[in-house]
Amino acid sequence: MNAPLLPDGILNIDKAQGMTSMEVVRQVKRVTGQRHCGHGGTLDPVATGVLPVFLGQATRLMEYLLEGEKEYLGAVRLGVATDTYDTEGQTTDERDASGISREAVEAALEGFRGLILQTPPMYSALKHEGKRLYDLARRGIEVDREPRSVQISRIEVVDWQPPLVTLAIRCGRGTYVRSLAHDLGQALGCGAHLAALRRTRSGAFRVEEAITLERLREAVAAGGGKGLLLPLDYVVLHLKALTLNPLEEDMVRSGQPVRLSPRTHSAEHMETRRAYDAERRFVALLRFNGPIRQWEPHKVFQAGSPSPYLQEDALV
């Protein structure tokens, strides 16, 4: 089997409009030659922006991105509600929104900040009795959905061009921006849907540093694709770091717990830290077992290149 054109790592892709997230993954597979790829958080076809794609061993770290915050710019069209809560659906209600002021929108947004309850849309990939909600919705079936708690740490008006209002949103895992648009229309009494969406940040990945698929193709064809890859540890830089001596590294690689420095024993039970070897190469994620006061291997990786992100003052 031929070696992949690009090694393990993460690509910060700027997804184009009209593509599904899985189509982006399929194209990355073809371009890079990597068999194992996955994306870090679905973007609807109409949305654009940050879509991290994980290659090879990096796919084992996708869960750490999914837990992080995301930021969006969303254009909400007031006065028209749709069944999908975005431009892809059929109009379900249309009202005159000319009397809605920016002040009224900003006042309504107060109810969407902090920890809120949000009902997922019917057109979503969530399941009900083993069936995808969007499959039921396409058959004209609507079922009750349990509201879920989601965290909205920022939602504010950044552009006012009625009937379009553009919102800057920072939110936690599980938030549907389409539902925010729909619920805002309900709160204002005029109906609304999401007219456009751009994800500007997902965890540590920002749209300013994202690359298009076309740029990826050109770079790989020219032999410079490796320069676009981010290392495996990029997605876990928020975790504290520690170093292993050669004996400790051998123990971790064989699945054995290690005691390490007393300075690490103030960790909380099950706290996770990233571990490096003496050459500053990312070795593993370790979890602290409080009762036995040892660090146990959680995820172990094949040695790669020295990490450019490992700071000396971050080590313990």
Protein backbone atom coordinates (compact mmCIF):
# COMPACT_ATOMS: atom_id res chain seq x y z
CA MET A 1 0.00 0.00 0.00
CA ASN A 2 1.34 3.41 -0.93
CA ALA A 3 2.27 5.80 1.87
CA PRO A 4 -0.13 8.76 2.31
CA LEU A 5 0.86 12.01 0.66
CA LEU A 6 0.41 13.77 4.01
CA PRO A 7 1.22 12.33 7.46
CA ASP A 8 -0.96 12.41 10.56
CA GLY A 9 -2.13 15.84 11.62
CA ILE A 10 -4.97 18.35 11.40
CA LEU A 11 -6.08 20.60 8.54
CA ASN A 12 -8.02 23.77 9.29
CA ILE A 13 -10.34 23.83 6.25
CA ASP A 14 -12.48 26.80 5.23
CA LYS A 15 -15.57 24.96 4.00
CA ALA A 16 -17.23 26.38 0.90
CA GLN A 17 -20.99 26.90 0.64
CA GLY A 18 -22.98 24.06 -0.89
CA MET A 19 -20.77 21.22 0.36
CA THR A 20 -21.61 18.79 3.12
CA SER A 21 -19.01 18.30 5.84
CA MET A 22 -18.60 14.66 4.79
CA GLU A 23 -17.91 15.70 1.20
CA VAL A 24 -15.06 17.86 2.51
CA VAL A 25 -13.67 14.80 4.34
CA ARG A 26 -13.96 12.67 1.19
CA GLN A 27 -12.07 15.26 -0.85
CA VAL A 28 -9.36 15.55 1.82
CA LYS A 29 -8.97 11.77 1.72
CA ARG A 30 -8.48 11.82 -2.05
CA VAL A 31 -6.00 14.70 -1.96
CA THR A 32 -3.91 13.49 1.00
CA GLY A 33 -4.06 9.74 0.51
CA GLN A 34 -5.05 9.30 4.15
CA ARG A 35 -7.55 6.48 4.73
CA HIS A 36 -8.61 7.60 8.20
CA CYS A 37 -10.08 11.11 8.29
CA GLY A 38 -12.84 12.80 10.24
CA HIS A 39 -14.19 16.28 10.79
CA GLY A 40 -14.58 18.16 14.04
CA GLY A 41 -18.21 19.29 14.09
CA THR A 42 -20.74 19.31 11.25
CA LEU A 43 -21.47 22.44 9.24
CA ASP A 44 -24.69 22.50 7.20
CA PRO A 45 -24.22 22.70 3.40
CA VAL A 46 -25.36 26.34 3.32
CA ALA A 47 -22.80 27.31 5.98
CA THR A 48 -19.15 28.21 5.43
CA GLY A 49 -16.06 28.55 7.56
CA VAL A 50 -13.91 26.58 9.97
CA LEU A 51 -14.09 22.81 9.59
CA PRO A 52 -11.07 21.07 11.14
CA VAL A 53 -10.30 17.76 9.41
CA PHE A 54 -8.30 15.18 11.38
CA LEU A 55 -5.93 12.80 9.59
CA GLY A 56 -4.61 9.43 10.79
CA GLN A 57 -3.83 9.30 14.51
CA ALA A 58 -5.31 12.76 14.97
CA THR A 59 -8.82 11.30 14.62
CA ARG A 60 -8.40 9.93 18.16
CA LEU A 61 -8.37 13.52 19.45
CA MET A 62 -11.53 14.79 17.77
CA GLU A 63 -13.51 14.60 21.03
CA TYR A 64 -11.41 17.41 22.50
CA LEU A 65 -12.47 19.79 19.74
CA LEU A 66 -16.15 18.88 20.03
CA GLU A 67 -16.09 19.92 23.68
CA GLY A 68 -14.76 23.41 22.88
CA GLU A 69 -16.51 26.70 22.17
CA LYS A 70 -17.48 27.82 18.67
CA GLU A 71 -18.03 31.28 17.18
CA TYR A 72 -20.29 32.23 14.29
CA LEU A 73 -21.53 35.13 12.22
CA GLY A 74 -25.15 34.46 11.38
CA ALA A 75 -27.46 36.51 9.18
CA VAL A 76 -31.07 36.22 10.35
CA ARG A 77 -33.93 37.10 8.00
CA LEU A 78 -36.81 38.58 9.96
CA GLY A 79 -40.41 38.12 8.84
CA VAL A 80 -40.11 34.68 7.21
CA ALA A 81 -40.10 31.34 9.06
CA THR A 82 -39.19 28.04 7.37
CA ASP A 83 -39.56 24.40 8.36
CA THR A 84 -35.79 23.83 8.37
CA TYR A 85 -35.11 27.16 10.13
CA ASP A 86 -32.82 28.16 7.23
CA THR A 87 -32.97 28.95 3.49
CA GLU A 88 -33.15 25.27 2.50
CA GLY A 89 -36.70 24.81 3.76
CA GLN A 90 -40.24 25.71 2.80
CA THR A 91 -41.82 28.90 4.10
CA THR A 92 -44.21 28.15 6.98
CA ASP A 93 -45.09 31.71 7.97
CA GLU A 94 -44.57 35.18 6.56
CA ARG A 95 -45.28 38.43 8.41
CA ASP A 96 -44.51 42.12 8.14
CA ALA A 97 -41.30 42.79 10.10
CA SER A 98 -40.94 46.43 9.13
CA GLY A 99 -41.96 47.54 12.62
CA ILE A 100 -39.15 45.55 14.30
CA SER A 101 -36.39 47.89 15.48
CA ARG A 102 -32.78 47.14 16.29
CA GLU A 103 -33.55 48.01 19.90
CA ALA A 104 -36.32 45.40 19.95
CA VAL A 105 -33.93 42.75 18.61
CA GLU A 106 -31.26 43.64 21.17
CA ALA A 107 -33.81 43.48 23.96
CA ALA A 108 -35.01 40.07 22.78
CA LEU A 109 -31.45 38.75 22.71
CA GLU A 110 -31.22 39.17 26.48
CA GLY A 111 -33.26 35.98 26.77
CA PHE A 112 -30.72 34.02 24.73
CA ARG A 113 -27.61 34.64 26.80
CA GLY A 114 -26.12 32.28 29.36
CA LEU A 115 -27.35 28.74 29.96
CA ILE A 116 -30.61 28.36 28.04
CA LEU A 117 -32.95 25.58 27.00
CA GLN A 118 -33.07 24.97 23.26
CA THR A 119 -35.29 22.58 21.33
CA PRO A 120 -33.38 20.93 18.44
CA PRO A 121 -34.90 21.40 14.97
CA MET A 122 -36.73 18.55 13.28
CA TYR A 123 -34.31 18.84 10.38
CA SER A 124 -31.31 17.59 12.33
CA ALA A 125 -29.25 14.39 12.58
CA LEU A 126 -30.51 13.58 16.07
CA LYS A 127 -32.36 10.29 16.45
CA HIS A 128 -35.85 9.42 17.68
CA GLU A 129 -36.49 5.71 18.26
CA GLY A 130 -33.55 4.85 16.00
CA LYS A 131 -34.56 7.15 13.12
CA ARG A 132 -32.92 10.42 12.11
CA LEU A 133 -35.15 13.41 12.76
CA TYR A 134 -34.56 14.79 9.26
CA ASP A 135 -35.79 11.51 7.75
CA LEU A 136 -39.00 11.79 9.77
CA ALA A 137 -39.36 15.48 8.86
CA ARG A 138 -39.05 14.72 5.13
CA ARG A 139 -41.96 12.28 5.53
CA GLY A 140 -44.04 15.00 7.16
CA ILE A 141 -43.73 13.51 10.64
CA GLU A 142 -43.01 15.77 13.60
CA VAL A 143 -42.16 14.36 17.02
CA ASP A 144 -41.65 15.93 20.41
CA ARG A 145 -38.02 16.84 21.11
CA GLU A 146 -36.66 17.29 24.59
CA PRO A 147 -35.20 20.77 25.15
CA ARG A 148 -31.49 20.67 25.89
CA SER A 149 -29.30 23.00 27.92
CA VAL A 150 -26.82 24.94 25.78
CA GLN A 151 -24.40 27.69 26.73
CA ILE A 152 -24.48 31.01 24.84
CA SER A 153 -21.64 33.19 26.09
CA ARG A 154 -22.11 35.88 23.44
CA ILE A 155 -24.92 36.89 21.09
CA GLU A 156 -25.13 40.44 19.81
CA VAL A 157 -26.04 42.50 16.78
CA VAL A 158 -23.04 43.42 14.61
CA ASP A 159 -24.92 44.58 11.51
CA TRP A 160 -28.44 45.92 11.01
CA GLN A 161 -29.81 45.91 7.45
CA PRO A 162 -33.51 45.09 7.95
CA PRO A 163 -34.99 42.63 7.35
CA LEU A 164 -31.51 41.11 7.80
CA VAL A 165 -29.78 41.26 11.17
CA THR A 166 -26.28 39.80 11.56
CA LEU A 167 -25.40 38.27 14.90
CA ALA A 168 -22.03 37.42 16.42
CA ILE A 169 -22.44 34.25 18.46
CA ARG A 170 -20.13 32.36 20.80
CA CYS A 171 -21.62 29.12 22.09
CA GLY A 172 -20.93 25.72 23.59
CA ARG A 173 -21.43 22.19 22.37
CA GLY A 174 -24.79 21.15 20.95
CA THR A 175 -26.03 24.63 20.00
CA TYR A 176 -28.09 24.95 16.82
CA VAL A 177 -27.70 28.44 15.37
CA ARG A 178 -30.69 27.72 13.14
CA SER A 179 -32.78 27.24 16.26
CA LEU A 180 -31.48 30.52 17.69
CA ALA A 181 -32.67 32.30 14.53
CA HIS A 182 -36.07 30.59 14.64
CA ASP A 183 -36.55 31.21 18.35
CA LEU A 184 -35.56 34.87 17.97
CA GLY A 185 -38.28 35.26 15.34
CA GLN A 186 -40.76 33.67 17.72
CA ALA A 187 -39.72 36.01 20.53
CA LEU A 188 -40.17 39.03 18.25
CA GLY A 189 -43.53 37.78 16.98
CA CYS A 190 -42.56 38.09 13.31
CA GLY A 191 -40.88 34.77 12.55
CA ALA A 192 -37.34 34.40 11.23
CA HIS A 193 -34.87 32.00 9.68
CA LEU A 194 -31.11 31.72 9.26
CA ALA A 195 -30.18 33.27 5.91
CA ALA A 196 -26.41 32.72 6.07
CA LEU A 197 -23.88 31.29 8.51
CA ARG A 198 -20.09 31.43 8.78
CA ARG A 199 -18.17 29.64 11.52
CA THR A 200 -15.26 31.84 12.49
CA ARG A 201 -13.79 29.72 15.28
CA SER A 202 -13.93 26.17 16.57
CA GLY A 203 -11.82 25.71 19.68
CA ALA A 204 -8.27 26.78 18.79
CA PHE A 205 -9.04 26.85 15.04
CA ARG A 206 -9.75 30.28 13.54
CA VAL A 207 -11.04 31.23 10.12
CA GLU A 208 -8.16 33.68 9.57
CA GLU A 209 -5.78 30.71 9.42
CA ALA A 210 -8.08 28.33 7.53
CA ILE A 211 -7.29 27.08 4.02
CA THR A 212 -9.56 26.26 1.11
CA LEU A 213 -9.66 22.82 -0.50
CA GLU A 214 -8.22 24.37 -3.65
CA ARG A 215 -5.20 25.66 -1.75
CA LEU A 216 -4.73 22.21 -0.23
CA ARG A 217 -4.79 20.58 -3.68
CA GLU A 218 -2.28 23.06 -5.05
CA ALA A 219 0.06 22.66 -2.09
CA VAL A 220 0.01 18.85 -2.20
CA ALA A 221 0.57 18.86 -5.97
CA ALA A 222 3.58 21.14 -5.46
CA GLY A 223 4.97 18.95 -2.66
CA GLY A 224 4.32 21.51 0.09
CA GLY A 225 1.24 20.06 1.71
CA LYS A 226 2.98 19.17 4.97
CA GLY A 227 3.39 22.85 5.72
CA LEU A 228 -0.40 23.19 6.01
CA LEU A 229 -0.72 20.46 8.65
CA LEU A 230 -1.10 21.27 12.31
CA PRO A 231 0.42 18.74 14.75
CA LEU A 232 -1.64 16.33 16.82
CA ASP A 233 -1.17 18.24 20.07
CA TYR A 234 -2.63 21.47 18.62
CA VAL A 235 -6.14 20.46 19.70
CA VAL A 236 -5.11 19.74 23.31
CA LEU A 237 -2.89 22.74 24.00
CA HIS A 238 -5.35 23.85 26.68
CA LEU A 239 -4.19 20.89 28.81
CA LYS A 240 -1.10 21.12 31.02
CA ALA A 241 2.06 19.44 29.73
CA LEU A 242 4.66 17.18 31.31
CA THR A 243 7.80 15.36 30.15
CA LEU A 244 8.77 11.69 30.39
CA ASN A 245 12.24 10.26 30.76
CA PRO A 246 13.11 7.26 28.52
CA LEU A 247 12.10 4.67 31.14
CA GLU A 248 8.77 6.41 31.79
CA GLU A 249 8.12 6.66 28.06
CA ASP A 250 8.70 2.92 27.64
CA MET A 251 6.30 2.22 30.50
CA VAL A 252 3.60 4.48 29.03
CA ARG A 253 3.99 2.91 25.58
CA SER A 254 3.53 -0.53 27.12
CA GLY A 255 0.38 0.60 28.93
CA GLN A 256 1.84 0.88 32.42
CA PRO A 257 1.11 3.74 34.87
CA VAL A 258 3.96 6.02 35.95
CA ARG A 259 4.46 7.96 39.18
CA LEU A 260 6.30 11.01 37.78
CA SER A 261 7.36 14.11 39.69
CA PRO A 262 5.73 15.00 43.04
CA ARG A 263 4.89 18.35 41.41
CA THR A 264 2.22 16.59 39.36
CA HIS A 265 0.54 14.95 42.33
CA SER A 266 -1.60 17.99 43.08
CA ALA A 267 -3.68 17.04 40.05
CA GLU A 268 -7.32 16.15 40.46
CA HIS A 269 -8.47 12.56 40.02
CA MET A 270 -8.85 11.77 36.28
CA GLU A 271 -7.24 15.06 35.25
CA THR A 272 -5.73 14.73 31.76
CA ARG A 273 -2.33 16.08 30.70
CA ARG A 274 -0.29 15.84 27.51
CA ALA A 275 3.05 14.06 27.78
CA TYR A 276 6.22 14.57 25.71
CA ASP A 277 9.56 12.82 25.42
CA ALA A 278 12.97 14.42 25.87
CA GLU A 279 12.93 15.43 22.17
CA ARG A 280 9.70 17.39 22.72
CA ARG A 281 7.67 14.89 20.72
CA PHE A 282 4.05 14.30 21.69
CA VAL A 283 3.82 10.85 23.25
CA ALA A 284 0.49 10.46 25.00
CA LEU A 285 -2.39 11.81 27.01
CA LEU A 286 -2.16 10.66 30.63
CA ARG A 287 -4.86 10.63 33.29
CA PHE A 288 -4.12 10.95 36.99
CA ASN A 289 -5.40 8.10 39.15
CA GLY A 290 -5.80 9.81 42.50
CA PRO A 291 -6.19 6.74 44.76
CA ILE A 292 -2.92 5.19 43.55
CA ARG A 293 -1.28 8.58 42.81
CA GLN A 294 -0.04 7.51 39.40
CA TRP A 295 -0.51 8.69 35.82
CA GLU A 296 -2.16 6.14 33.53
CA PRO A 297 -1.96 6.10 29.71
CA HIS A 298 -5.21 7.32 28.17
CA LYS A 299 -4.20 7.73 24.52
CA VAL A 300 -0.73 6.84 23.21
CA PHE A 301 0.63 8.02 19.86
CA GLN A 302 3.44 7.04 17.54
CA ALA A 303 6.34 9.46 17.76
CA GLY A 304 6.30 12.32 15.26
CA SER A 305 8.24 15.53 14.91
CA PRO A 306 9.09 17.79 17.87
CA SER A 307 6.14 19.99 18.76
CA PRO A 308 6.53 23.67 17.83
CA TYR A 309 3.90 24.57 20.42
CA LEU A 310 5.55 23.11 23.53
CA GLN A 311 6.61 25.97 25.78
CA GLU A 312 9.24 25.33 28.45
CA ASP A 313 7.26 27.15 31.12
CA ALA A 314 4.24 24.91 30.42
CA LEU A 315 6.08 21.78 31.58
CA VAL A 316 5.74 20.25 35.03
